């Protein structure tokens, strides 16, 4: 299984942006490149987890739309 690839863009409600494969911290005052390897590694892991979760939800929705409705025969 391949590792999910993070999409460029901003994390929701976060000052962190992935742009051209580099992490940036963005505020009203400006932007600064994140260069600390421990920090950027943690951001990579978080971004990959988000991509994997999004894919899992999409797979579940696709599976639900493909499966026929269950007939319980009026019993629970």
PDB file of N, CA and C in Angstrom:
ATOM      1  N   UNK A   1       0.841  -1.175   0.000  1.00  0.00           N
ATOM      2  CA  UNK A   1       0.000   0.000   0.000  1.00  0.00           C
ATOM      3  C   UNK A   1       0.885   1.237   0.000  1.00  0.00           C
ATOM      4  N   UNK A   2       0.599   2.185  -0.876  1.00  0.00           N
ATOM      5  CA  UNK A   2       1.407   3.394  -0.948  1.00  0.00           C
ATOM      6  C   UNK A   2       0.956   4.409   0.094  1.00  0.00           C
ATOM      7  N   UNK A   3       1.881   5.280   0.441  1.00  0.00           N
ATOM      8  CA  UNK A   3       1.584   6.327   1.412  1.00  0.00           C
ATOM      9  C   UNK A   3       0.786   7.427   0.725  1.00  0.00           C
ATOM     10  N   UNK A   4      -0.319   7.887   1.362  1.00  0.00           N
ATOM     11  CA  UNK A   4      -1.091   8.967   0.761  1.00  0.00           C
ATOM     12  C   UNK A   4      -0.233  10.226   0.606  1.00  0.00           C
ATOM     13  N   UNK A   5      -0.451  10.942  -0.476  1.00  0.00           N
ATOM     14  CA  UNK A   5       0.297  12.163  -0.739  1.00  0.00           C
ATOM     15  C   UNK A   5      -0.522  13.368  -0.313  1.00  0.00           C
ATOM     16  N   UNK A   6       0.022  14.205   0.574  1.00  0.00           N
ATOM     17  CA  UNK A   6      -0.715  15.401   0.988  1.00  0.00           C
ATOM     18  C   UNK A   6      -0.940  16.337  -0.184  1.00  0.00           C
ATOM     19  N   UNK A   7      -2.097  16.966  -0.188  1.00  0.00           N
ATOM     20  CA  UNK A   7      -2.418  17.949  -1.214  1.00  0.00           C
ATOM     21  C   UNK A   7      -1.915  19.316  -0.788  1.00  0.00           C
ATOM     22  N   UNK A   8      -1.443  20.105  -1.729  1.00  0.00           N
ATOM     23  CA  UNK A   8      -1.035  21.472  -1.385  1.00  0.00           C
ATOM     24  C   UNK A   8      -2.221  22.253  -0.841  1.00  0.00           C
ATOM     25  N   UNK A   9      -1.960  23.136   0.073  1.00  0.00           N
ATOM     26  CA  UNK A   9      -3.020  23.976   0.612  1.00  0.00           C
ATOM     27  C   UNK A   9      -2.900  24.134   2.115  1.00  0.00           C
ATOM     28  N   UNK A  10      -3.859  24.818   2.670  1.00  0.00           N
ATOM     29  CA  UNK A  10      -3.869  25.144   4.094  1.00  0.00           C
ATOM     30  C   UNK A  10      -4.660  24.100   4.869  1.00  0.00           C
ATOM     31  N   UNK A  11      -4.145  23.742   6.047  1.00  0.00           N
ATOM     32  CA  UNK A  11      -4.930  22.930   6.964  1.00  0.00           C
ATOM     33  C   UNK A  11      -6.102  23.782   7.445  1.00  0.00           C
ATOM     34  N   UNK A  12      -7.240  23.184   7.613  1.00  0.00           N
ATOM     35  CA  UNK A  12      -8.405  23.910   8.102  1.00  0.00           C
ATOM     36  C   UNK A  12      -8.120  24.504   9.467  1.00  0.00           C
ATOM     37  N   UNK A  13      -8.465  25.773   9.624  1.00  0.00           N
ATOM     38  CA  UNK A  13      -8.288  26.513  10.885  1.00  0.00           C
ATOM     39  C   UNK A  13      -6.863  26.435  11.406  1.00  0.00           C
ATOM     40  N   UNK A  14      -5.919  26.578  10.512  1.00  0.00           N
ATOM     41  CA  UNK A  14      -4.512  26.465  10.885  1.00  0.00           C
ATOM     42  C   UNK A  14      -3.685  27.473  10.106  1.00  0.00           C
ATOM     43  N   UNK A  15      -2.601  27.950  10.690  1.00  0.00           N
ATOM     44  CA  UNK A  15      -1.726  28.866   9.964  1.00  0.00           C
ATOM     45  C   UNK A  15      -0.684  28.135   9.114  1.00  0.00           C
ATOM     46  N   UNK A  16      -0.860  26.843   8.892  1.00  0.00           N
ATOM     47  CA  UNK A  16       0.129  26.037   8.173  1.00  0.00           C
ATOM     48  C   UNK A  16      -0.341  25.798   6.740  1.00  0.00           C
ATOM     49  N   UNK A  17       0.573  26.019   5.788  1.00  0.00           N
ATOM     50  CA  UNK A  17       0.265  25.840   4.369  1.00  0.00           C
ATOM     51  C   UNK A  17       1.355  24.994   3.727  1.00  0.00           C
ATOM     52  N   UNK A  18       0.950  24.020   2.914  1.00  0.00           N
ATOM     53  CA  UNK A  18       1.896  23.240   2.117  1.00  0.00           C
ATOM     54  C   UNK A  18       1.911  23.831   0.718  1.00  0.00           C
ATOM     55  N   UNK A  19       3.059  24.366   0.324  1.00  0.00           N
ATOM     56  CA  UNK A  19       3.186  25.027  -0.972  1.00  0.00           C
ATOM     57  C   UNK A  19       4.474  24.537  -1.637  1.00  0.00           C
ATOM     58  N   UNK A  20       4.346  23.955  -2.819  1.00  0.00           N
ATOM     59  CA  UNK A  20       5.503  23.449  -3.567  1.00  0.00           C
ATOM     60  C   UNK A  20       6.358  22.492  -2.735  1.00  0.00           C
ATOM     61  N   UNK A  21       5.688  21.639  -1.953  1.00  0.00           N
ATOM     62  CA  UNK A  21       6.393  20.642  -1.147  1.00  0.00           C
ATOM     63  C   UNK A  21       7.057  21.185   0.103  1.00  0.00           C
ATOM     64  N   UNK A  22       6.825  22.451   0.422  1.00  0.00           N
ATOM     65  CA  UNK A  22       7.420  23.044   1.622  1.00  0.00           C
ATOM     66  C   UNK A  22       6.314  23.580   2.521  1.00  0.00           C
ATOM     67  N   UNK A  23       6.536  23.456   3.830  1.00  0.00           N
ATOM     68  CA  UNK A  23       5.578  23.936   4.822  1.00  0.00           C
ATOM     69  C   UNK A  23       5.875  25.390   5.173  1.00  0.00           C
ATOM     70  N   UNK A  24       4.829  26.186   5.211  1.00  0.00           N
ATOM     71  CA  UNK A  24       4.933  27.601   5.550  1.00  0.00           C
ATOM     72  C   UNK A  24       3.988  27.909   6.699  1.00  0.00           C
ATOM     73  N   UNK A  25       4.425  28.775   7.587  1.00  0.00           N
ATOM     74  CA  UNK A  25       3.572  29.317   8.640  1.00  0.00           C
ATOM     75  C   UNK A  25       3.130  30.695   8.160  1.00  0.00           C
ATOM     76  N   UNK A  26       1.826  30.904   8.117  1.00  0.00           N
ATOM     77  CA  UNK A  26       1.272  32.117   7.515  1.00  0.00           C
ATOM     78  C   UNK A  26       0.452  32.874   8.548  1.00  0.00           C
ATOM     79  N   UNK A  27       0.643  34.184   8.592  1.00  0.00           N
ATOM     80  CA  UNK A  27      -0.160  35.051   9.455  1.00  0.00           C
ATOM     81  C   UNK A  27      -0.426  36.348   8.712  1.00  0.00           C
ATOM     82  N   UNK A  28      -1.164  37.235   9.337  1.00  0.00           N
ATOM     83  CA  UNK A  28      -1.419  38.534   8.724  1.00  0.00           C
ATOM     84  C   UNK A  28      -0.122  39.324   8.532  1.00  0.00           C
ATOM     85  N   UNK A  29       0.847  39.080   9.385  1.00  0.00           N
ATOM     86  CA  UNK A  29       2.121  39.807   9.318  1.00  0.00           C
ATOM     87  C   UNK A  29       3.029  39.291   8.202  1.00  0.00           C
ATOM     88  N   UNK A  30       2.781  38.087   7.710  1.00  0.00           N
ATOM     89  CA  UNK A  30       3.609  37.537   6.646  1.00  0.00           C
ATOM     90  C   UNK A  30       3.740  36.028   6.756  1.00  0.00           C
ATOM     91  N   UNK A  31       4.678  35.464   6.020  1.00  0.00           N
ATOM     92  CA  UNK A  31       4.905  34.015   5.977  1.00  0.00           C
ATOM     93  C   UNK A  31       6.353  33.718   6.326  1.00  0.00           C
ATOM     94  N   UNK A  32       6.549  32.534   6.893  1.00  0.00           N
ATOM     95  CA  UNK A  32       7.908  32.076   7.190  1.00  0.00           C
ATOM     96  C   UNK A  32       7.980  30.588   6.843  1.00  0.00           C
ATOM     97  N   UNK A  33       9.063  30.205   6.201  1.00  0.00           N
ATOM     98  CA  UNK A  33       9.278  28.816   5.832  1.00  0.00           C
ATOM     99  C   UNK A  33       9.594  27.993   7.078  1.00  0.00           C
ATOM    100  N   UNK A  34       8.893  26.877   7.247  1.00  0.00           N
ATOM    101  CA  UNK A  34       9.172  25.956   8.352  1.00  0.00           C
ATOM    102  C   UNK A  34      10.334  25.059   7.930  1.00  0.00           C
ATOM    103  N   UNK A  35      11.432  25.110   8.684  1.00  0.00           N
ATOM    104  CA  UNK A  35      12.624  24.354   8.307  1.00  0.00           C
ATOM    105  C   UNK A  35      13.026  23.300   9.328  1.00  0.00           C
ATOM    106  N   UNK A  36      12.401  23.305  10.493  1.00  0.00           N
ATOM    107  CA  UNK A  36      12.759  22.325  11.518  1.00  0.00           C
ATOM    108  C   UNK A  36      12.303  20.938  11.063  1.00  0.00           C
ATOM    109  N   UNK A  37      13.235  19.967  10.925  1.00  0.00           N
ATOM    110  CA  UNK A  37      12.867  18.648  10.391  1.00  0.00           C
ATOM    111  C   UNK A  37      11.869  17.889  11.266  1.00  0.00           C
ATOM    112  N   UNK A  38      11.960  18.051  12.566  1.00  0.00           N
ATOM    113  CA  UNK A  38      11.006  17.362  13.445  1.00  0.00           C
ATOM    114  C   UNK A  38       9.603  17.918  13.243  1.00  0.00           C
ATOM    115  N   UNK A  39       9.501  19.234  13.165  1.00  0.00           N
ATOM    116  CA  UNK A  39       8.208  19.891  12.976  1.00  0.00           C
ATOM    117  C   UNK A  39       7.616  19.551  11.608  1.00  0.00           C
ATOM    118  N   UNK A  40       8.423  19.654  10.557  1.00  0.00           N
ATOM    119  CA  UNK A  40       7.904  19.381   9.221  1.00  0.00           C
ATOM    120  C   UNK A  40       7.558  17.901   9.037  1.00  0.00           C
ATOM    121  N   UNK A  41       8.284  17.027   9.719  1.00  0.00           N
ATOM    122  CA  UNK A  41       7.963  15.602   9.681  1.00  0.00           C
ATOM    123  C   UNK A  41       6.602  15.345  10.343  1.00  0.00           C
ATOM    124  N   UNK A  42       6.351  16.020  11.456  1.00  0.00           N
ATOM    125  CA  UNK A  42       5.055  15.889  12.130  1.00  0.00           C
ATOM    126  C   UNK A  42       3.935  16.416  11.226  1.00  0.00           C
ATOM    127  N   UNK A  43       4.185  17.521  10.533  1.00  0.00           N
ATOM    128  CA  UNK A  43       3.187  18.058   9.606  1.00  0.00           C
ATOM    129  C   UNK A  43       2.936  17.090   8.454  1.00  0.00           C
ATOM    130  N   UNK A  44       4.000  16.467   7.934  1.00  0.00           N
ATOM    131  CA  UNK A  44       3.841  15.473   6.865  1.00  0.00           C
ATOM    132  C   UNK A  44       2.959  14.316   7.336  1.00  0.00           C
ATOM    133  N   UNK A  45       3.231  13.822   8.545  1.00  0.00           N
ATOM    134  CA  UNK A  45       2.445  12.718   9.084  1.00  0.00           C
ATOM    135  C   UNK A  45       0.985  13.088   9.270  1.00  0.00           C
ATOM    136  N   UNK A  46       0.751  14.288   9.773  1.00  0.00           N
ATOM    137  CA  UNK A  46      -0.616  14.758   9.968  1.00  0.00           C
ATOM    138  C   UNK A  46      -1.333  14.897   8.625  1.00  0.00           C
ATOM    139  N   UNK A  47      -0.666  15.466   7.654  1.00  0.00           N
ATOM    140  CA  UNK A  47      -1.265  15.641   6.334  1.00  0.00           C
ATOM    141  C   UNK A  47      -1.581  14.286   5.691  1.00  0.00           C
ATOM    142  N   UNK A  48      -0.683  13.318   5.844  1.00  0.00           N
ATOM    143  CA  UNK A  48      -0.930  11.985   5.296  1.00  0.00           C
ATOM    144  C   UNK A  48      -2.114  11.320   5.993  1.00  0.00           C
ATOM    145  N   UNK A  49      -2.254  11.533   7.285  1.00  0.00           N
ATOM    146  CA  UNK A  49      -3.391  10.978   8.023  1.00  0.00           C
ATOM    147  C   UNK A  49      -4.702  11.590   7.539  1.00  0.00           C
ATOM    148  N   UNK A  50      -4.693  12.893   7.251  1.00  0.00           N
ATOM    149  CA  UNK A  50      -5.891  13.551   6.737  1.00  0.00           C
ATOM    150  C   UNK A  50      -6.275  12.972   5.376  1.00  0.00           C
ATOM    151  N   UNK A  51      -5.298  12.802   4.502  1.00  0.00           N
ATOM    152  CA  UNK A  51      -5.565  12.252   3.174  1.00  0.00           C
ATOM    153  C   UNK A  51      -6.115  10.828   3.301  1.00  0.00           C
ATOM    154  N   UNK A  52      -5.528  10.022   4.166  1.00  0.00           N
ATOM    155  CA  UNK A  52      -5.989   8.645   4.351  1.00  0.00           C
ATOM    156  C   UNK A  52      -7.411   8.614   4.914  1.00  0.00           C
ATOM    157  N   UNK A  53      -7.714   9.506   5.855  1.00  0.00           N
ATOM    158  CA  UNK A  53      -9.064   9.566   6.423  1.00  0.00           C
ATOM    159  C   UNK A  53     -10.075   9.998   5.370  1.00  0.00           C
ATOM    160  N   UNK A  54      -9.726  11.002   4.575  1.00  0.00           N
ATOM    161  CA  UNK A  54     -10.615  11.446   3.499  1.00  0.00           C
ATOM    162  C   UNK A  54     -10.887  10.310   2.516  1.00  0.00           C
ATOM    163  N   UNK A  55      -9.858   9.537   2.187  1.00  0.00           N
ATOM    164  CA  UNK A  55     -10.029   8.415   1.269  1.00  0.00           C
ATOM    165  C   UNK A  55     -10.899   7.325   1.875  1.00  0.00           C
ATOM    166  N   UNK A  56     -10.723   7.048   3.161  1.00  0.00           N
ATOM    167  CA  UNK A  56     -11.539   6.036   3.835  1.00  0.00           C
ATOM    168  C   UNK A  56     -13.012   6.440   3.841  1.00  0.00           C
ATOM    169  N   UNK A  57     -13.289   7.704   4.088  1.00  0.00           N
ATOM    170  CA  UNK A  57     -14.674   8.188   4.068  1.00  0.00           C
ATOM    171  C   UNK A  57     -15.246   8.076   2.658  1.00  0.00           C
ATOM    172  N   UNK A  58     -14.472   8.459   1.652  1.00  0.00           N
ATOM    173  CA  UNK A  58     -14.932   8.351   0.265  1.00  0.00           C
ATOM    174  C   UNK A  58     -15.219   6.894  -0.103  1.00  0.00           C
ATOM    175  N   UNK A  59     -14.358   5.972   0.339  1.00  0.00           N
ATOM    176  CA  UNK A  59     -14.566   4.549   0.068  1.00  0.00           C
ATOM    177  C   UNK A  59     -15.842   4.045   0.735  1.00  0.00           C
ATOM    178  N   UNK A  60     -16.083   4.462   1.978  1.00  0.00           N
ATOM    179  CA  UNK A  60     -17.307   4.049   2.676  1.00  0.00           C
ATOM    180  C   UNK A  60     -18.550   4.579   1.970  1.00  0.00           C
ATOM    181  N   UNK A  61     -18.506   5.818   1.549  1.00  0.00           N
ATOM    182  CA  UNK A  61     -19.657   6.395   0.848  1.00  0.00           C
ATOM    183  C   UNK A  61     -19.905   5.681  -0.470  1.00  0.00           C
ATOM    184  N   UNK A  62     -18.841   5.352  -1.180  1.00  0.00           N
ATOM    185  CA  UNK A  62     -18.983   4.635  -2.445  1.00  0.00           C
ATOM    186  C   UNK A  62     -19.563   3.246  -2.202  1.00  0.00           C
ATOM    187  N   UNK A  63     -19.099   2.575  -1.162  1.00  0.00           N
ATOM    188  CA  UNK A  63     -19.598   1.243  -0.842  1.00  0.00           C
ATOM    189  C   UNK A  63     -21.072   1.297  -0.455  1.00  0.00           C
ATOM    190  N   UNK A  64     -21.467   2.330   0.302  1.00  0.00           N
ATOM    191  CA  UNK A  64     -22.867   2.471   0.699  1.00  0.00           C
ATOM    192  C   UNK A  64     -23.766   2.711  -0.501  1.00  0.00           C
ATOM    193  N   UNK A  65     -23.304   3.479  -1.459  1.00  0.00           N
ATOM    194  CA  UNK A  65     -24.130   3.771  -2.627  1.00  0.00           C
ATOM    195  C   UNK A  65     -24.223   2.570  -3.566  1.00  0.00           C
ATOM    196  N   UNK A  66     -23.285   1.639  -3.493  1.00  0.00           N
ATOM    197  CA  UNK A  66     -23.292   0.465  -4.361  1.00  0.00           C
ATOM    198  C   UNK A  66     -24.131  -0.681  -3.796  1.00  0.00           C
ATOM    199  N   UNK A  67     -24.216  -0.795  -2.480  1.00  0.00           N
ATOM    200  CA  UNK A  67     -24.901  -1.939  -1.884  1.00  0.00           C
ATOM    201  C   UNK A  67     -26.415  -1.728  -1.918  1.00  0.00           C
ATOM    202  N   UNK A  68     -27.148  -2.810  -2.263  1.00  0.00           N
ATOM    203  CA  UNK A  68     -28.616  -2.707  -2.304  1.00  0.00           C
ATOM    204  C   UNK A  68     -29.176  -2.553  -0.892  1.00  0.00           C
ATOM    205  N   UNK A  69     -30.354  -1.952  -0.773  1.00  0.00           N
ATOM    206  CA  UNK A  69     -30.958  -1.808   0.559  1.00  0.00           C
ATOM    207  C   UNK A  69     -31.234  -3.171   1.167  1.00  0.00           C
ATOM    208  N   UNK A  70     -31.048  -3.263   2.446  1.00  0.00           N
ATOM    209  CA  UNK A  70     -31.271  -4.535   3.148  1.00  0.00           C
ATOM    210  C   UNK A  70     -32.769  -4.721   3.408  1.00  0.00           C
ATOM    211  N   UNK A  71     -33.232  -5.942   3.201  1.00  0.00           N
ATOM    212  CA  UNK A  71     -34.629  -6.280   3.495  1.00  0.00           C
ATOM    213  C   UNK A  71     -34.638  -7.046   4.801  1.00  0.00           C
ATOM    214  N   UNK A  72     -35.109  -6.395   5.846  1.00  0.00           N
ATOM    215  CA  UNK A  72     -35.148  -7.046   7.162  1.00  0.00           C
ATOM    216  C   UNK A  72     -36.440  -7.785   7.380  1.00  0.00           C
ATOM    217  N   UNK A  73     -37.366  -7.702   6.432  1.00  0.00           N
ATOM    218  CA  UNK A  73     -38.637  -8.429   6.572  1.00  0.00           C
ATOM    219  C   UNK A  73     -39.494  -7.880   7.680  1.00  0.00           C
ATOM    220  N   UNK A  74     -39.291  -6.649   8.062  1.00  0.00           N
ATOM    221  CA  UNK A  74     -40.082  -6.027   9.100  1.00  0.00           C
ATOM    222  C   UNK A  74     -39.658  -6.412  10.504  1.00  0.00           C
ATOM    223  N   UNK A  75     -38.580  -7.162  10.637  1.00  0.00           N
ATOM    224  CA  UNK A  75     -38.096  -7.567  11.955  1.00  0.00           C
ATOM    225  C   UNK A  75     -36.794  -6.886  12.243  1.00  0.00           C
ATOM    226  N   UNK A  76     -36.532  -6.723  13.530  1.00  0.00           N
ATOM    227  CA  UNK A  76     -35.266  -6.135  13.959  1.00  0.00           C
ATOM    228  C   UNK A  76     -34.446  -7.130  14.682  1.00  0.00           C
TER     229      UNK A  76
END
